[in-house]
C-alpha cells in the first residue's frame, strides 16, 4: 500500500491502522474529518517540520480615491479634498513620484470617512469629482496584513540599516574607504569593534521598532509614526514562520508523528461513540467495550503529546541582555 499523499490517503491509513476493513470502525465521516483537523492543528502548532522560516515582503501603499472621470492629474499635491456629503477630508500626496493618474487620486491624513459615491472638491484647484470607491492603504490603516498561513513573526528588518555602505556620508562607508583598502594591512579586530560601537549607538539613539502580531486577525502592528517613518512605495521585509501547505507539500501527510496522532484521535472518537452502548450484548454473545478503547486512546494521546514536547518542539527563545 502506498504512503499517504493526500488527506483521504491519511484517513484511509488511520482507519486501516485501527482494523478496517476487518473490523467495523464506528465513526462517522464528519467525525473522522474533525479529528484529522484537530491532528493538523496540534501538529502545526508544535512540530518543527510543520512550519518553515521565510522572509516575506510587502509594499507600503497609500490610500486612494477612485474617481468616476479621469481628472486625477488636475488636483495639486498638498491641497485638501473634502467630501461634500460626509465632510471627510484628506491631503493629496504622491506615490512613486506620481500625485495621481487617470481616475485615481492618492491621499493621506484622512479625517472622517468618505462615502464611496459622494462628490469631492479640492480647496486649491477647485476641481470636483464623483467617487466610485475608497481604498484605505497601509499608511492609514497602520498595520500589515499577513497571509493566513503565517503563524508567528520574528522581526521586521530595520529600515534604517546601512550596513551595505552605499551611503557615502555614512561613517562606516568612510571607514571602509580609508581603512579597508588592503585587508592585510588593516586590523579586522579594530574594524569590527568600531562597527559594533556604531551599532550600539544606533540602537540606543534610534532603537528597533516594536511589533505585535495578532494571529487570528492576521495583522502585524508596527509601533511607529506611519506618516513619517515610511513612505508609500517602500517595502517591509518580515521574517516569520509559515505553515507548510500539505496540498503543496504532499509529504506532510506521510509524517510519522502526524499519522500516529491522527490515528489515536480517531480511536478516541471511536471509543467515545461505543461508550454510549456499554453493556449491550450483540448477536453471537459479543459485548461492546467502548471504555477500554477510549482509555487506550487517551493513554496513547498523552504519550504522543509528551513525545512532541520532548522531541519535536523547538526550545523557547530566551532574551539575553
C-alpha atoms as a PDB file:
ATOM      1  CA  UNK A   1       0.000   0.000   0.000  1.00  0.00           C
ATOM      2  CA  UNK A   2       1.402   3.415  -0.982  1.00  0.00           C
ATOM      3  CA  UNK A   3       2.255   6.030   1.653  1.00  0.00           C
ATOM      4  CA  UNK A   4      -0.401   8.706   2.299  1.00  0.00           C
ATOM      5  CA  UNK A   5      -0.040  11.525  -0.240  1.00  0.00           C
ATOM      6  CA  UNK A   6      -3.375  13.236   0.344  1.00  0.00           C
ATOM      7  CA  UNK A   7      -5.911  13.915   3.074  1.00  0.00           C
ATOM      8  CA  UNK A   8      -8.010  10.937   2.014  1.00  0.00           C
ATOM      9  CA  UNK A   9      -4.881   8.794   1.929  1.00  0.00           C
ATOM     10  CA  UNK A  10      -4.134   9.777   5.533  1.00  0.00           C
ATOM     11  CA  UNK A  11      -7.721   8.960   6.571  1.00  0.00           C
ATOM     12  CA  UNK A  12      -7.557   5.551   4.884  1.00  0.00           C
ATOM     13  CA  UNK A  13      -4.231   4.809   6.604  1.00  0.00           C
ATOM     14  CA  UNK A  14      -5.632   5.681  10.061  1.00  0.00           C
ATOM     15  CA  UNK A  15      -8.707   3.507   9.559  1.00  0.00           C
ATOM     16  CA  UNK A  16      -6.607   0.565   8.358  1.00  0.00           C
ATOM     17  CA  UNK A  17      -4.379   1.044  11.406  1.00  0.00           C
ATOM     18  CA  UNK A  18      -7.463   0.662  13.612  1.00  0.00           C
ATOM     19  CA  UNK A  19      -8.524  -2.560  11.864  1.00  0.00           C
ATOM     20  CA  UNK A  20     -10.661  -1.517   8.898  1.00  0.00           C
ATOM     21  CA  UNK A  21     -11.991  -3.313   6.845  1.00  0.00           C
ATOM     22  CA  UNK A  22     -11.637  -6.395   9.064  1.00  0.00           C
ATOM     23  CA  UNK A  23     -13.192  -4.513  11.988  1.00  0.00           C
ATOM     24  CA  UNK A  24     -16.010  -2.016  11.572  1.00  0.00           C
ATOM     25  CA  UNK A  25     -14.880   1.395  12.840  1.00  0.00           C
ATOM     26  CA  UNK A  26     -17.984   3.067  14.270  1.00  0.00           C
ATOM     27  CA  UNK A  27     -17.013   6.648  13.453  1.00  0.00           C
ATOM     28  CA  UNK A  28     -18.899   8.931  11.079  1.00  0.00           C
ATOM     29  CA  UNK A  29     -17.057  10.520   8.138  1.00  0.00           C
ATOM     30  CA  UNK A  30     -17.600  14.018   9.555  1.00  0.00           C
ATOM     31  CA  UNK A  31     -16.150  12.907  12.891  1.00  0.00           C
ATOM     32  CA  UNK A  32     -13.112  11.453  11.118  1.00  0.00           C
ATOM     33  CA  UNK A  33     -12.531  14.729   9.255  1.00  0.00           C
ATOM     34  CA  UNK A  34     -12.888  16.708  12.504  1.00  0.00           C
ATOM     35  CA  UNK A  35     -10.235  14.568  14.168  1.00  0.00           C
ATOM     36  CA  UNK A  36      -7.914  14.974  11.177  1.00  0.00           C
ATOM     37  CA  UNK A  37      -8.365  18.748  11.518  1.00  0.00           C
ATOM     38  CA  UNK A  38      -7.536  18.512  15.235  1.00  0.00           C
ATOM     39  CA  UNK A  39      -4.422  16.486  14.462  1.00  0.00           C
ATOM     40  CA  UNK A  40      -3.214  19.004  11.897  1.00  0.00           C
ATOM     41  CA  UNK A  41      -3.867  21.916  14.244  1.00  0.00           C
ATOM     42  CA  UNK A  42      -1.790  20.342  17.025  1.00  0.00           C
ATOM     43  CA  UNK A  43       0.909  19.257  14.579  1.00  0.00           C
ATOM     44  CA  UNK A  44       1.204  22.729  13.056  1.00  0.00           C
ATOM     45  CA  UNK A  45       1.332  24.432  16.450  1.00  0.00           C
ATOM     46  CA  UNK A  46       4.162  22.356  17.896  1.00  0.00           C
ATOM     47  CA  UNK A  47       6.078  20.292  15.322  1.00  0.00           C
ATOM     48  CA  UNK A  48       9.166  21.925  13.784  1.00  0.00           C
ATOM     49  CA  UNK A  49       8.631  20.080  10.498  1.00  0.00           C
ATOM     50  CA  UNK A  50       5.180  21.648  10.055  1.00  0.00           C
ATOM     51  CA  UNK A  51       6.474  25.199   9.538  1.00  0.00           C
ATOM     52  CA  UNK A  52       9.189  26.973   7.578  1.00  0.00           C
ATOM     53  CA  UNK A  53      11.152  30.137   8.235  1.00  0.00           C
ATOM     54  CA  UNK A  54      10.646  32.641   5.421  1.00  0.00           C
ATOM     55  CA  UNK A  55      11.166  36.299   4.516  1.00  0.00           C
ATOM     56  CA  UNK A  56       8.050  37.956   3.114  1.00  0.00           C
ATOM     57  CA  UNK A  57       7.966  41.402   1.565  1.00  0.00           C
ATOM     58  CA  UNK A  58       5.058  43.796   1.461  1.00  0.00           C
ATOM     59  CA  UNK A  59       4.872  47.182  -0.198  1.00  0.00           C
ATOM     60  CA  UNK A  60       3.641  50.221   1.687  1.00  0.00           C
ATOM     61  CA  UNK A  61       0.562  51.549  -0.072  1.00  0.00           C
ATOM     62  CA  UNK A  62      -1.183  54.907   0.124  1.00  0.00           C
ATOM     63  CA  UNK A  63      -4.906  55.441   0.352  1.00  0.00           C
ATOM     64  CA  UNK A  64      -6.738  56.015  -2.924  1.00  0.00           C
ATOM     65  CA  UNK A  65      -9.917  57.619  -4.120  1.00  0.00           C
ATOM     66  CA  UNK A  66     -11.279  56.171  -7.350  1.00  0.00           C
ATOM     67  CA  UNK A  67     -12.930  58.855  -9.477  1.00  0.00           C
ATOM     68  CA  UNK A  68     -15.752  58.474 -11.983  1.00  0.00           C
ATOM     69  CA  UNK A  69     -13.871  60.675 -14.503  1.00  0.00           C
ATOM     70  CA  UNK A  70     -10.108  60.776 -15.325  1.00  0.00           C
ATOM     71  CA  UNK A  71      -9.360  64.135 -13.675  1.00  0.00           C
ATOM     72  CA  UNK A  72      -6.902  62.955 -11.029  1.00  0.00           C
ATOM     73  CA  UNK A  73      -3.990  64.856 -12.597  1.00  0.00           C
ATOM     74  CA  UNK A  74      -5.796  68.186 -12.141  1.00  0.00           C
ATOM     75  CA  UNK A  75      -5.519  68.057  -8.347  1.00  0.00           C
ATOM     76  CA  UNK A  76      -2.418  69.656  -6.788  1.00  0.00           C
ATOM     77  CA  UNK A  77      -0.065  67.961  -4.336  1.00  0.00           C
ATOM     78  CA  UNK A  78      -0.676  69.187  -0.783  1.00  0.00           C
ATOM     79  CA  UNK A  79      -4.205  70.518  -1.301  1.00  0.00           C
ATOM     80  CA  UNK A  80      -7.172  69.312   0.694  1.00  0.00           C
ATOM     81  CA  UNK A  81     -10.051  67.389  -0.829  1.00  0.00           C
ATOM     82  CA  UNK A  82     -13.346  67.491   1.026  1.00  0.00           C
ATOM     83  CA  UNK A  83     -16.329  65.170   0.731  1.00  0.00           C
ATOM     84  CA  UNK A  84     -19.459  67.230   0.114  1.00  0.00           C
ATOM     85  CA  UNK A  85     -21.742  64.696   1.809  1.00  0.00           C
ATOM     86  CA  UNK A  86     -19.596  63.153   4.554  1.00  0.00           C
ATOM     87  CA  UNK A  87     -17.468  66.205   5.375  1.00  0.00           C
ATOM     88  CA  UNK A  88     -14.382  63.969   5.393  1.00  0.00           C
ATOM     89  CA  UNK A  89     -11.132  65.481   4.191  1.00  0.00           C
ATOM     90  CA  UNK A  90      -7.678  64.306   3.145  1.00  0.00           C
ATOM     91  CA  UNK A  91      -4.432  65.673   1.713  1.00  0.00           C
ATOM     92  CA  UNK A  92      -3.392  64.910  -1.859  1.00  0.00           C
ATOM     93  CA  UNK A  93       0.013  63.212  -1.801  1.00  0.00           C
ATOM     94  CA  UNK A  94       2.360  61.262  -4.060  1.00  0.00           C
ATOM     95  CA  UNK A  95       3.327  57.634  -4.523  1.00  0.00           C
ATOM     96  CA  UNK A  96       6.367  56.654  -6.533  1.00  0.00           C
ATOM     97  CA  UNK A  97       6.754  60.275  -7.690  1.00  0.00           C
ATOM     98  CA  UNK A  98       3.206  60.456  -9.042  1.00  0.00           C
ATOM     99  CA  UNK A  99       0.480  62.580  -7.442  1.00  0.00           C
ATOM    100  CA  UNK A 100      -2.369  60.874  -9.236  1.00  0.00           C
ATOM    101  CA  UNK A 101      -3.189  59.324 -12.568  1.00  0.00           C
ATOM    102  CA  UNK A 102      -6.351  58.784 -14.575  1.00  0.00           C
ATOM    103  CA  UNK A 103      -9.236  58.020 -12.281  1.00  0.00           C
ATOM    104  CA  UNK A 104      -7.035  57.516  -9.194  1.00  0.00           C
ATOM    105  CA  UNK A 105      -6.294  60.183  -6.576  1.00  0.00           C
ATOM    106  CA  UNK A 106      -3.624  59.375  -3.969  1.00  0.00           C
ATOM    107  CA  UNK A 107      -4.329  60.784  -0.494  1.00  0.00           C
ATOM    108  CA  UNK A 108      -3.091  60.751   3.107  1.00  0.00           C
ATOM    109  CA  UNK A 109      -4.006  62.201   6.556  1.00  0.00           C
ATOM    110  CA  UNK A 110      -7.653  61.192   6.243  1.00  0.00           C
ATOM    111  CA  UNK A 111     -10.079  62.796   8.689  1.00  0.00           C
ATOM    112  CA  UNK A 112     -13.525  61.213   8.776  1.00  0.00           C
ATOM    113  CA  UNK A 113     -14.904  58.611   6.375  1.00  0.00           C
ATOM    114  CA  UNK A 114     -15.529  59.234   2.695  1.00  0.00           C
ATOM    115  CA  UNK A 115     -18.679  57.842   1.114  1.00  0.00           C
ATOM    116  CA  UNK A 116     -17.957  55.742  -1.956  1.00  0.00           C
ATOM    117  CA  UNK A 117     -20.432  57.665  -4.143  1.00  0.00           C
ATOM    118  CA  UNK A 118     -20.130  61.261  -2.987  1.00  0.00           C
ATOM    119  CA  UNK A 119     -18.666  64.335  -4.701  1.00  0.00           C
ATOM    120  CA  UNK A 120     -15.286  65.685  -3.562  1.00  0.00           C
ATOM    121  CA  UNK A 121     -13.795  69.088  -4.259  1.00  0.00           C
ATOM    122  CA  UNK A 122     -10.223  70.412  -3.976  1.00  0.00           C
ATOM    123  CA  UNK A 123      -9.765  73.528  -1.852  1.00  0.00           C
ATOM    124  CA  UNK A 124      -6.956  74.942  -4.036  1.00  0.00           C
ATOM    125  CA  UNK A 125      -7.704  73.705  -7.548  1.00  0.00           C
ATOM    126  CA  UNK A 126     -11.484  73.880  -7.036  1.00  0.00           C
ATOM    127  CA  UNK A 127     -11.740  70.683  -9.092  1.00  0.00           C
ATOM    128  CA  UNK A 128     -14.685  68.430  -8.266  1.00  0.00           C
ATOM    129  CA  UNK A 129     -15.178  64.745  -8.986  1.00  0.00           C
ATOM    130  CA  UNK A 130     -17.544  61.934  -8.073  1.00  0.00           C
ATOM    131  CA  UNK A 131     -16.152  58.978  -6.136  1.00  0.00           C
ATOM    132  CA  UNK A 132     -16.771  55.362  -7.101  1.00  0.00           C
ATOM    133  CA  UNK A 133     -14.588  53.663  -4.465  1.00  0.00           C
ATOM    134  CA  UNK A 134     -12.406  54.412  -1.429  1.00  0.00           C
ATOM    135  CA  UNK A 135      -9.330  52.253  -0.721  1.00  0.00           C
ATOM    136  CA  UNK A 136      -7.524  52.595   2.609  1.00  0.00           C
ATOM    137  CA  UNK A 137      -3.778  51.993   2.279  1.00  0.00           C
ATOM    138  CA  UNK A 138      -1.143  50.634   4.643  1.00  0.00           C
ATOM    139  CA  UNK A 139      -0.114  54.072   5.913  1.00  0.00           C
ATOM    140  CA  UNK A 140      -3.631  54.904   7.068  1.00  0.00           C
ATOM    141  CA  UNK A 141      -4.626  51.521   8.489  1.00  0.00           C
ATOM    142  CA  UNK A 142      -1.283  51.330  10.377  1.00  0.00           C
ATOM    143  CA  UNK A 143      -0.797  47.573  10.185  1.00  0.00           C
ATOM    144  CA  UNK A 144       0.309  44.913   7.715  1.00  0.00           C
ATOM    145  CA  UNK A 145      -1.974  42.098   6.683  1.00  0.00           C
ATOM    146  CA  UNK A 146      -0.163  38.778   6.806  1.00  0.00           C
ATOM    147  CA  UNK A 147      -1.182  35.619   4.922  1.00  0.00           C
ATOM    148  CA  UNK A 148      -3.310  33.219   6.956  1.00  0.00           C
ATOM    149  CA  UNK A 149      -0.551  30.589   6.847  1.00  0.00           C
ATOM    150  CA  UNK A 150       1.804  32.816   8.890  1.00  0.00           C
ATOM    151  CA  UNK A 151       1.778  31.528  12.472  1.00  0.00           C
ATOM    152  CA  UNK A 152       4.493  33.692  14.041  1.00  0.00           C
ATOM    153  CA  UNK A 153       6.560  36.794  13.311  1.00  0.00           C
ATOM    154  CA  UNK A 154      10.189  37.026  14.391  1.00  0.00           C
ATOM    155  CA  UNK A 155      11.110  40.547  13.343  1.00  0.00           C
ATOM    156  CA  UNK A 156      10.739  43.287  10.779  1.00  0.00           C
ATOM    157  CA  UNK A 157      14.078  44.056   9.183  1.00  0.00           C
ATOM    158  CA  UNK A 158      15.231  47.541  10.188  1.00  0.00           C
ATOM    159  CA  UNK A 159      14.555  50.169   7.546  1.00  0.00           C
ATOM    160  CA  UNK A 160      17.461  52.464   8.568  1.00  0.00           C
ATOM    161  CA  UNK A 161      20.199  49.841   8.402  1.00  0.00           C
ATOM    162  CA  UNK A 162      23.038  50.988   6.181  1.00  0.00           C
ATOM    163  CA  UNK A 163      25.430  48.055   6.565  1.00  0.00           C
ATOM    164  CA  UNK A 164      25.643  47.854   2.793  1.00  0.00           C
ATOM    165  CA  UNK A 165      27.792  51.003   2.826  1.00  0.00           C
ATOM    166  CA  UNK A 166      26.066  52.519  -0.205  1.00  0.00           C
ATOM    167  CA  UNK A 167      25.622  55.843   1.592  1.00  0.00           C
ATOM    168  CA  UNK A 168      28.858  57.773   1.056  1.00  0.00           C
ATOM    169  CA  UNK A 169      28.075  60.045   4.030  1.00  0.00           C
ATOM    170  CA  UNK A 170      27.851  57.104   6.419  1.00  0.00           C
ATOM    171  CA  UNK A 171      30.761  56.762   8.875  1.00  0.00           C
ATOM    172  CA  UNK A 172      31.054  53.065   8.090  1.00  0.00           C
ATOM    173  CA  UNK A 173      31.488  53.872   4.414  1.00  0.00           C
ATOM    174  CA  UNK A 174      34.392  56.209   5.241  1.00  0.00           C
ATOM    175  CA  UNK A 175      35.966  53.509   7.411  1.00  0.00           C
ATOM    176  CA  UNK A 176      35.843  51.072   4.518  1.00  0.00           C
ATOM    177  CA  UNK A 177      37.124  53.658   2.079  1.00  0.00           C
ATOM    178  CA  UNK A 178      40.124  54.699   4.164  1.00  0.00           C
ATOM    179  CA  UNK A 179      40.967  51.643   6.229  1.00  0.00           C
ATOM    180  CA  UNK A 180      39.774  48.606   4.251  1.00  0.00           C
ATOM    181  CA  UNK A 181      41.673  49.133   1.006  1.00  0.00           C
ATOM    182  CA  UNK A 182      44.039  46.333   1.971  1.00  0.00           C
ATOM    183  CA  UNK A 183      42.900  43.645   4.418  1.00  0.00           C
ATOM    184  CA  UNK A 184      46.499  42.561   5.013  1.00  0.00           C
ATOM    185  CA  UNK A 185      47.478  45.947   6.445  1.00  0.00           C
ATOM    186  CA  UNK A 186      44.307  46.700   8.412  1.00  0.00           C
ATOM    187  CA  UNK A 187      43.203  45.293  11.761  1.00  0.00           C
ATOM    188  CA  UNK A 188      39.952  43.423  11.295  1.00  0.00           C
ATOM    189  CA  UNK A 189      39.543  43.330  15.080  1.00  0.00           C
ATOM    190  CA  UNK A 190      39.574  47.126  15.347  1.00  0.00           C
ATOM    191  CA  UNK A 191      37.209  47.445  12.378  1.00  0.00           C
ATOM    192  CA  UNK A 192      34.733  45.020  13.940  1.00  0.00           C
ATOM    193  CA  UNK A 193      34.900  46.843  17.269  1.00  0.00           C
ATOM    194  CA  UNK A 194      34.095  50.148  15.579  1.00  0.00           C
ATOM    195  CA  UNK A 195      31.140  48.574  13.742  1.00  0.00           C
ATOM    196  CA  UNK A 196      29.753  47.152  16.973  1.00  0.00           C
ATOM    197  CA  UNK A 197      30.199  50.521  18.694  1.00  0.00           C
ATOM    198  CA  UNK A 198      28.299  52.278  15.900  1.00  0.00           C
ATOM    199  CA  UNK A 199      25.534  49.659  16.073  1.00  0.00           C
ATOM    200  CA  UNK A 200      25.276  50.212  19.836  1.00  0.00           C
ATOM    201  CA  UNK A 201      24.937  53.974  19.329  1.00  0.00           C
ATOM    202  CA  UNK A 202      22.234  53.438  16.704  1.00  0.00           C
ATOM    203  CA  UNK A 203      20.377  51.038  18.990  1.00  0.00           C
ATOM    204  CA  UNK A 204      20.472  53.489  21.919  1.00  0.00           C
ATOM    205  CA  UNK A 205      19.555  56.611  19.947  1.00  0.00           C
ATOM    206  CA  UNK A 206      17.219  55.133  17.319  1.00  0.00           C
ATOM    207  CA  UNK A 207      16.254  51.675  18.569  1.00  0.00           C
ATOM    208  CA  UNK A 208      14.208  48.986  16.859  1.00  0.00           C
ATOM    209  CA  UNK A 209      10.503  49.269  16.190  1.00  0.00           C
ATOM    210  CA  UNK A 210       8.459  47.051  18.497  1.00  0.00           C
ATOM    211  CA  UNK A 211       5.946  44.777  16.775  1.00  0.00           C
ATOM    212  CA  UNK A 212       2.733  42.973  17.726  1.00  0.00           C
ATOM    213  CA  UNK A 213       1.357  40.080  15.683  1.00  0.00           C
ATOM    214  CA  UNK A 214      -2.279  39.016  16.027  1.00  0.00           C
ATOM    215  CA  UNK A 215      -2.558  35.533  14.562  1.00  0.00           C
ATOM    216  CA  UNK A 216      -6.354  35.297  14.499  1.00  0.00           C
ATOM    217  CA  UNK A 217      -6.738  38.627  12.687  1.00  0.00           C
ATOM    218  CA  UNK A 218      -3.588  38.102  10.537  1.00  0.00           C
ATOM    219  CA  UNK A 219      -2.431  41.616  11.387  1.00  0.00           C
ATOM    220  CA  UNK A 220       1.103  42.766  12.143  1.00  0.00           C
ATOM    221  CA  UNK A 221       1.251  46.039  14.070  1.00  0.00           C
ATOM    222  CA  UNK A 222       4.477  48.063  13.978  1.00  0.00           C
ATOM    223  CA  UNK A 223       4.680  50.714  16.674  1.00  0.00           C
ATOM    224  CA  UNK A 224       5.961  53.764  14.824  1.00  0.00           C
ATOM    225  CA  UNK A 225       4.868  57.013  13.223  1.00  0.00           C
ATOM    226  CA  UNK A 226       3.495  55.683   9.943  1.00  0.00           C
ATOM    227  CA  UNK A 227       3.172  59.115   8.396  1.00  0.00           C
ATOM    228  CA  UNK A 228       6.866  59.954   8.928  1.00  0.00           C
ATOM    229  CA  UNK A 229       8.880  56.732   9.214  1.00  0.00           C
ATOM    230  CA  UNK A 230       7.708  55.172   5.937  1.00  0.00           C
ATOM    231  CA  UNK A 231       6.557  56.403   2.559  1.00  0.00           C
ATOM    232  CA  UNK A 232       4.202  54.806   0.020  1.00  0.00           C
ATOM    233  CA  UNK A 233       6.125  52.643  -2.407  1.00  0.00           C
ATOM    234  CA  UNK A 234       8.674  51.421   0.140  1.00  0.00           C
ATOM    235  CA  UNK A 235       8.838  47.790   1.227  1.00  0.00           C
ATOM    236  CA  UNK A 236       8.727  45.954   4.531  1.00  0.00           C
ATOM    237  CA  UNK A 237      10.620  42.666   4.825  1.00  0.00           C
ATOM    238  CA  UNK A 238       9.196  40.432   7.560  1.00  0.00           C
ATOM    239  CA  UNK A 239      10.971  37.375   8.943  1.00  0.00           C
ATOM    240  CA  UNK A 240       8.309  34.912  10.048  1.00  0.00           C
ATOM    241  CA  UNK A 241       7.206  31.304  10.381  1.00  0.00           C
ATOM    242  CA  UNK A 242       4.765  29.962   7.801  1.00  0.00           C
ATOM    243  CA  UNK A 243       2.746  26.734   7.958  1.00  0.00           C
ATOM    244  CA  UNK A 244       3.550  24.264   5.203  1.00  0.00           C
ATOM    245  CA  UNK A 245       0.577  23.673   2.954  1.00  0.00           C
ATOM    246  CA  UNK A 246       0.053  19.872   2.841  1.00  0.00           C
ATOM    247  CA  UNK A 247      -1.688  20.194  -0.532  1.00  0.00           C
ATOM    248  CA  UNK A 248       1.529  21.665  -1.957  1.00  0.00           C
ATOM    249  CA  UNK A 249       3.988  19.545   0.025  1.00  0.00           C
ATOM    250  CA  UNK A 250       2.271  16.153  -0.009  1.00  0.00           C
ATOM    251  CA  UNK A 251       4.979  14.553   2.125  1.00  0.00           C
ATOM    252  CA  UNK A 252       3.374  16.228   5.174  1.00  0.00           C
ATOM    253  CA  UNK A 253       0.588  13.639   5.044  1.00  0.00           C
ATOM    254  CA  UNK A 254       3.191  10.909   5.500  1.00  0.00           C
ATOM    255  CA  UNK A 255       4.744  12.412   8.639  1.00  0.00           C
ATOM    256  CA  UNK A 256       5.289   9.651  11.181  1.00  0.00           C
ATOM    257  CA  UNK A 257       4.053  11.619  14.177  1.00  0.00           C
ATOM    258  CA  UNK A 258       1.016  13.023  12.354  1.00  0.00           C
ATOM    259  CA  UNK A 259      -0.113   9.542  11.295  1.00  0.00           C
ATOM    260  CA  UNK A 260       0.143   8.157  14.819  1.00  0.00           C
ATOM    261  CA  UNK A 261      -1.533  11.181  16.424  1.00  0.00           C
ATOM    262  CA  UNK A 262      -4.405  11.261  13.938  1.00  0.00           C
ATOM    263  CA  UNK A 263      -4.974   7.513  14.441  1.00  0.00           C
ATOM    264  CA  UNK A 264      -5.159   7.945  18.220  1.00  0.00           C
ATOM    265  CA  UNK A 265      -7.641  10.828  17.913  1.00  0.00           C
ATOM    266  CA  UNK A 266      -9.913   8.748  15.674  1.00  0.00           C
ATOM    267  CA  UNK A 267      -9.552   5.846  18.108  1.00  0.00           C
ATOM    268  CA  UNK A 268     -10.640   8.117  20.978  1.00  0.00           C
ATOM    269  CA  UNK A 269     -13.687   9.172  18.959  1.00  0.00           C
ATOM    270  CA  UNK A 270     -14.450   5.523  18.261  1.00  0.00           C
ATOM    271  CA  UNK A 271     -14.311   4.715  21.979  1.00  0.00           C
ATOM    272  CA  UNK A 272     -16.413   7.778  22.786  1.00  0.00           C
ATOM    273  CA  UNK A 273     -19.095   6.553  20.380  1.00  0.00           C
ATOM    274  CA  UNK A 274     -19.078   2.971  21.661  1.00  0.00           C
ATOM    275  CA  UNK A 275     -19.301   4.052  25.303  1.00  0.00           C
ATOM    276  CA  UNK A 276     -22.901   5.047  24.624  1.00  0.00           C
ATOM    277  CA  UNK A 277     -23.713   1.346  24.059  1.00  0.00           C
ATOM    278  CA  UNK A 278     -21.717  -0.027  27.007  1.00  0.00           C
ATOM    279  CA  UNK A 279     -23.086  -3.370  28.258  1.00  0.00           C
ATOM    280  CA  UNK A 280     -25.290  -4.041  25.222  1.00  0.00           C
ATOM    281  CA  UNK A 281     -24.844  -7.622  24.003  1.00  0.00           C
ATOM    282  CA  UNK A 282     -24.593  -8.054  20.254  1.00  0.00           C
ATOM    283  CA  UNK A 283     -25.726 -11.126  18.253  1.00  0.00           C
ATOM    284  CA  UNK A 284     -23.375 -14.027  18.914  1.00  0.00           C
ATOM    285  CA  UNK A 285     -22.720 -13.006  22.511  1.00  0.00           C
ATOM    286  CA  UNK A 286     -20.281 -10.187  21.694  1.00  0.00           C
ATOM    287  CA  UNK A 287     -20.282  -7.299  24.196  1.00  0.00           C
ATOM    288  CA  UNK A 288     -19.074  -3.831  23.220  1.00  0.00           C
ATOM    289  CA  UNK A 289     -16.307  -2.360  25.366  1.00  0.00           C
ATOM    290  CA  UNK A 290     -16.001   1.244  24.287  1.00  0.00           C
ATOM    291  CA  UNK A 291     -14.466   2.352  27.594  1.00  0.00           C
ATOM    292  CA  UNK A 292     -11.390   0.168  27.018  1.00  0.00           C
ATOM    293  CA  UNK A 293     -10.867   1.604  23.519  1.00  0.00           C
ATOM    294  CA  UNK A 294     -11.354   5.130  24.899  1.00  0.00           C
ATOM    295  CA  UNK A 295      -8.873   4.611  27.764  1.00  0.00           C
ATOM    296  CA  UNK A 296      -6.252   3.139  25.422  1.00  0.00           C
ATOM    297  CA  UNK A 297      -6.599   6.122  23.106  1.00  0.00           C
ATOM    298  CA  UNK A 298      -6.281   8.626  25.972  1.00  0.00           C
ATOM    299  CA  UNK A 299      -3.026   6.959  27.075  1.00  0.00           C
ATOM    300  CA  UNK A 300      -1.668   6.960  23.519  1.00  0.00           C
ATOM    301  CA  UNK A 301      -2.518  10.644  23.050  1.00  0.00           C
ATOM    302  CA  UNK A 302      -0.886  11.638  26.324  1.00  0.00           C
ATOM    303  CA  UNK A 303       2.297   9.724  25.434  1.00  0.00           C
ATOM    304  CA  UNK A 304       2.391  11.265  21.956  1.00  0.00           C
ATOM    305  CA  UNK A 305       1.983  14.802  23.333  1.00  0.00           C
ATOM    306  CA  UNK A 306       4.838  14.208  25.786  1.00  0.00           C
ATOM    307  CA  UNK A 307       6.930  12.922  22.876  1.00  0.00           C
ATOM    308  CA  UNK A 308       6.037  16.046  20.908  1.00  0.00           C
ATOM    309  CA  UNK A 309       7.211  18.366  23.704  1.00  0.00           C
ATOM    310  CA  UNK A 310      10.405  16.393  24.337  1.00  0.00           C
ATOM    311  CA  UNK A 311      11.416  15.580  20.759  1.00  0.00           C
ATOM    312  CA  UNK A 312       9.744  17.618  18.050  1.00  0.00           C
ATOM    313  CA  UNK A 313       9.174  21.057  19.596  1.00  0.00           C
ATOM    314  CA  UNK A 314      11.842  23.708  19.239  1.00  0.00           C
ATOM    315  CA  UNK A 315      13.133  25.087  22.569  1.00  0.00           C
ATOM    316  CA  UNK A 316      11.858  28.567  23.541  1.00  0.00           C
ATOM    317  CA  UNK A 317      13.984  31.573  22.617  1.00  0.00           C
ATOM    318  CA  UNK A 318      15.299  33.462  25.637  1.00  0.00           C
ATOM    319  CA  UNK A 319      16.089  37.162  25.576  1.00  0.00           C
ATOM    320  CA  UNK A 320      19.620  37.880  26.776  1.00  0.00           C
ATOM    321  CA  UNK A 321      20.826  41.330  27.783  1.00  0.00           C
END
